[in-house]
Amino acid sequence: MITLKGGQIPWHENLTVGEIMNKMVEDTPILIVRVNDTIVKRKQWDTFKIPDGSKVDVYYAVAGG
């Protein structure tokens, strides 16, 4: 299992950031994905493998005024 947005989701061998991001339906652009203490750049999403037991944080663009 991994932790994503405060919930638990199943882990499997070779799970990538890209696979998780493709399953998420979000209207807000994602700026940063962090796996444990590692920032994963967008160009790495399809190759960055998430270890079992990881915490994945997703940070979104927020505009204010």
N, C-alpha and C. Protein backbone atom coordinates (compact mmCIF):
# COMPACT_ATOMS: atom_id res chain seq x y z
N MET A 1 0.84 -1.18 0.00
CA MET A 1 0.00 0.00 0.00
C MET A 1 0.88 1.24 0.00
N ILE A 2 0.35 2.29 -0.61
CA ILE A 2 0.99 3.59 -0.53
C ILE A 2 -0.04 4.59 -0.04
N THR A 3 0.44 5.69 0.50
CA THR A 3 -0.44 6.76 0.98
C THR A 3 -0.49 7.85 -0.08
N LEU A 4 -1.71 8.21 -0.49
CA LEU A 4 -1.90 9.26 -1.49
C LEU A 4 -3.07 10.13 -1.05
N LYS A 5 -2.81 11.41 -0.89
CA LYS A 5 -3.84 12.36 -0.49
C LYS A 5 -4.59 11.93 0.75
N GLY A 6 -3.86 11.40 1.72
CA GLY A 6 -4.43 11.02 3.00
C GLY A 6 -5.12 9.67 3.02
N GLY A 7 -5.20 8.99 1.88
CA GLY A 7 -5.82 7.68 1.82
C GLY A 7 -4.81 6.62 1.40
N GLN A 8 -5.23 5.39 1.44
CA GLN A 8 -4.38 4.27 1.06
C GLN A 8 -4.81 3.75 -0.31
N ILE A 9 -3.85 3.46 -1.18
CA ILE A 9 -4.16 2.81 -2.46
C ILE A 9 -3.23 1.62 -2.63
N PRO A 10 -3.67 0.61 -3.37
CA PRO A 10 -2.85 -0.59 -3.54
C PRO A 10 -1.56 -0.29 -4.30
N TRP A 11 -0.51 -0.99 -3.92
CA TRP A 11 0.78 -0.91 -4.60
C TRP A 11 0.95 -2.18 -5.41
N HIS A 12 1.66 -2.07 -6.53
CA HIS A 12 2.07 -3.26 -7.27
C HIS A 12 3.46 -3.03 -7.84
N GLU A 13 4.14 -4.10 -8.18
CA GLU A 13 5.48 -4.04 -8.76
C GLU A 13 5.51 -3.09 -9.94
N ASN A 14 6.52 -2.24 -10.02
CA ASN A 14 6.74 -1.29 -11.12
C ASN A 14 5.68 -0.19 -11.21
N LEU A 15 4.98 0.11 -10.12
CA LEU A 15 4.02 1.21 -10.10
C LEU A 15 4.78 2.52 -10.30
N THR A 16 4.30 3.34 -11.25
CA THR A 16 4.98 4.61 -11.53
C THR A 16 4.09 5.79 -11.14
N VAL A 17 4.73 6.94 -11.00
CA VAL A 17 4.00 8.17 -10.72
C VAL A 17 3.02 8.43 -11.86
N GLY A 18 3.45 8.22 -13.11
CA GLY A 18 2.59 8.45 -14.26
C GLY A 18 1.31 7.63 -14.21
N GLU A 19 1.42 6.39 -13.78
CA GLU A 19 0.23 5.53 -13.67
C GLU A 19 -0.77 6.11 -12.67
N ILE A 20 -0.30 6.58 -11.55
CA ILE A 20 -1.18 7.17 -10.55
C ILE A 20 -1.79 8.46 -11.07
N MET A 21 -0.97 9.32 -11.67
CA MET A 21 -1.47 10.60 -12.16
C MET A 21 -2.50 10.41 -13.27
N ASN A 22 -2.35 9.40 -14.11
CA ASN A 22 -3.32 9.13 -15.17
C ASN A 22 -4.67 8.72 -14.61
N LYS A 23 -4.69 8.11 -13.43
CA LYS A 23 -5.95 7.66 -12.81
C LYS A 23 -6.65 8.78 -12.05
N MET A 24 -5.91 9.83 -11.71
CA MET A 24 -6.49 10.95 -10.97
C MET A 24 -7.18 11.89 -11.95
N VAL A 25 -8.38 12.29 -11.63
CA VAL A 25 -9.11 13.26 -12.45
C VAL A 25 -9.15 14.55 -11.66
N GLU A 26 -8.37 15.52 -12.10
CA GLU A 26 -8.25 16.79 -11.39
C GLU A 26 -8.42 17.93 -12.39
N ASP A 27 -9.14 18.97 -12.00
CA ASP A 27 -9.29 20.15 -12.83
C ASP A 27 -8.13 21.13 -12.64
N THR A 28 -7.46 21.04 -11.51
CA THR A 28 -6.38 21.95 -11.18
C THR A 28 -5.05 21.38 -11.67
N PRO A 29 -4.23 22.21 -12.32
CA PRO A 29 -2.92 21.71 -12.77
C PRO A 29 -2.05 21.25 -11.60
N ILE A 30 -1.40 20.13 -11.78
CA ILE A 30 -0.49 19.61 -10.76
C ILE A 30 0.88 20.21 -11.01
N LEU A 31 1.45 20.82 -9.99
CA LEU A 31 2.76 21.43 -10.13
C LEU A 31 3.88 20.51 -9.66
N ILE A 32 3.65 19.85 -8.53
CA ILE A 32 4.72 19.06 -7.93
C ILE A 32 4.17 17.73 -7.41
N VAL A 33 4.93 16.68 -7.65
CA VAL A 33 4.65 15.38 -7.04
C VAL A 33 5.89 15.02 -6.23
N ARG A 34 5.67 14.64 -4.98
CA ARG A 34 6.76 14.22 -4.12
C ARG A 34 6.50 12.80 -3.65
N VAL A 35 7.49 11.93 -3.80
CA VAL A 35 7.43 10.56 -3.30
C VAL A 35 8.42 10.49 -2.16
N ASN A 36 7.89 10.28 -0.96
CA ASN A 36 8.70 10.36 0.26
C ASN A 36 9.40 11.71 0.28
N ASP A 37 10.70 11.77 0.18
CA ASP A 37 11.41 13.06 0.20
C ASP A 37 11.96 13.45 -1.17
N THR A 38 11.50 12.79 -2.22
CA THR A 38 12.02 13.05 -3.56
C THR A 38 10.98 13.77 -4.41
N ILE A 39 11.36 14.93 -4.97
CA ILE A 39 10.51 15.64 -5.93
C ILE A 39 10.65 14.93 -7.27
N VAL A 40 9.52 14.58 -7.88
CA VAL A 40 9.53 13.87 -9.17
C VAL A 40 9.05 14.84 -10.24
N LYS A 41 9.94 15.19 -11.17
CA LYS A 41 9.59 16.10 -12.25
C LYS A 41 8.65 15.41 -13.23
N ARG A 42 7.82 16.21 -13.90
CA ARG A 42 6.81 15.67 -14.83
C ARG A 42 7.44 14.75 -15.88
N LYS A 43 8.61 15.09 -16.38
CA LYS A 43 9.24 14.26 -17.40
C LYS A 43 9.69 12.90 -16.86
N GLN A 44 9.72 12.74 -15.54
CA GLN A 44 10.11 11.48 -14.90
C GLN A 44 8.91 10.63 -14.49
N TRP A 45 7.70 11.16 -14.60
CA TRP A 45 6.53 10.46 -14.08
C TRP A 45 6.37 9.05 -14.63
N ASP A 46 6.63 8.84 -15.91
CA ASP A 46 6.41 7.52 -16.50
C ASP A 46 7.52 6.52 -16.20
N THR A 47 8.62 6.98 -15.63
CA THR A 47 9.73 6.07 -15.34
C THR A 47 10.05 5.95 -13.86
N PHE A 48 9.55 6.88 -13.04
CA PHE A 48 9.86 6.87 -11.61
C PHE A 48 9.00 5.81 -10.93
N LYS A 49 9.64 4.76 -10.40
CA LYS A 49 8.93 3.67 -9.74
C LYS A 49 8.76 3.99 -8.25
N ILE A 50 7.54 3.80 -7.77
CA ILE A 50 7.20 4.10 -6.39
C ILE A 50 7.42 2.86 -5.52
N PRO A 51 8.25 2.96 -4.49
CA PRO A 51 8.45 1.82 -3.60
C PRO A 51 7.20 1.55 -2.75
N ASP A 52 6.99 0.30 -2.39
CA ASP A 52 5.90 -0.07 -1.50
C ASP A 52 6.06 0.67 -0.18
N GLY A 53 4.95 1.11 0.37
CA GLY A 53 4.96 1.81 1.65
C GLY A 53 5.26 3.29 1.56
N SER A 54 5.35 3.82 0.33
CA SER A 54 5.70 5.23 0.14
C SER A 54 4.55 6.16 0.46
N LYS A 55 4.91 7.42 0.72
CA LYS A 55 3.93 8.49 0.86
C LYS A 55 4.08 9.37 -0.37
N VAL A 56 2.97 9.57 -1.11
CA VAL A 56 2.97 10.39 -2.31
C VAL A 56 2.17 11.65 -2.02
N ASP A 57 2.80 12.80 -2.21
CA ASP A 57 2.15 14.09 -2.02
C ASP A 57 1.99 14.74 -3.40
N VAL A 58 0.84 15.34 -3.63
CA VAL A 58 0.55 16.04 -4.88
C VAL A 58 0.20 17.48 -4.53
N TYR A 59 0.91 18.41 -5.14
CA TYR A 59 0.68 19.83 -4.90
C TYR A 59 0.12 20.47 -6.15
N TYR A 60 -0.90 21.29 -5.98
CA TYR A 60 -1.64 21.87 -7.09
C TYR A 60 -1.37 23.36 -7.22
N ALA A 61 -1.62 23.88 -8.42
CA ALA A 61 -1.55 25.32 -8.65
C ALA A 61 -2.75 25.96 -8.01
N VAL A 62 -2.51 27.02 -7.26
CA VAL A 62 -3.59 27.73 -6.58
C VAL A 62 -3.43 29.22 -6.90
N ALA A 63 -4.51 29.82 -7.34
CA ALA A 63 -4.47 31.25 -7.64
C ALA A 63 -5.32 32.00 -6.63
N GLY A 64 -4.91 33.15 -6.29
CA GLY A 64 -5.68 33.94 -5.34
C GLY A 64 -5.71 35.39 -5.79
N GLY A 65 -6.47 36.13 -5.09
CA GLY A 65 -6.49 37.52 -5.50
C GLY A 65 -7.15 38.39 -4.47
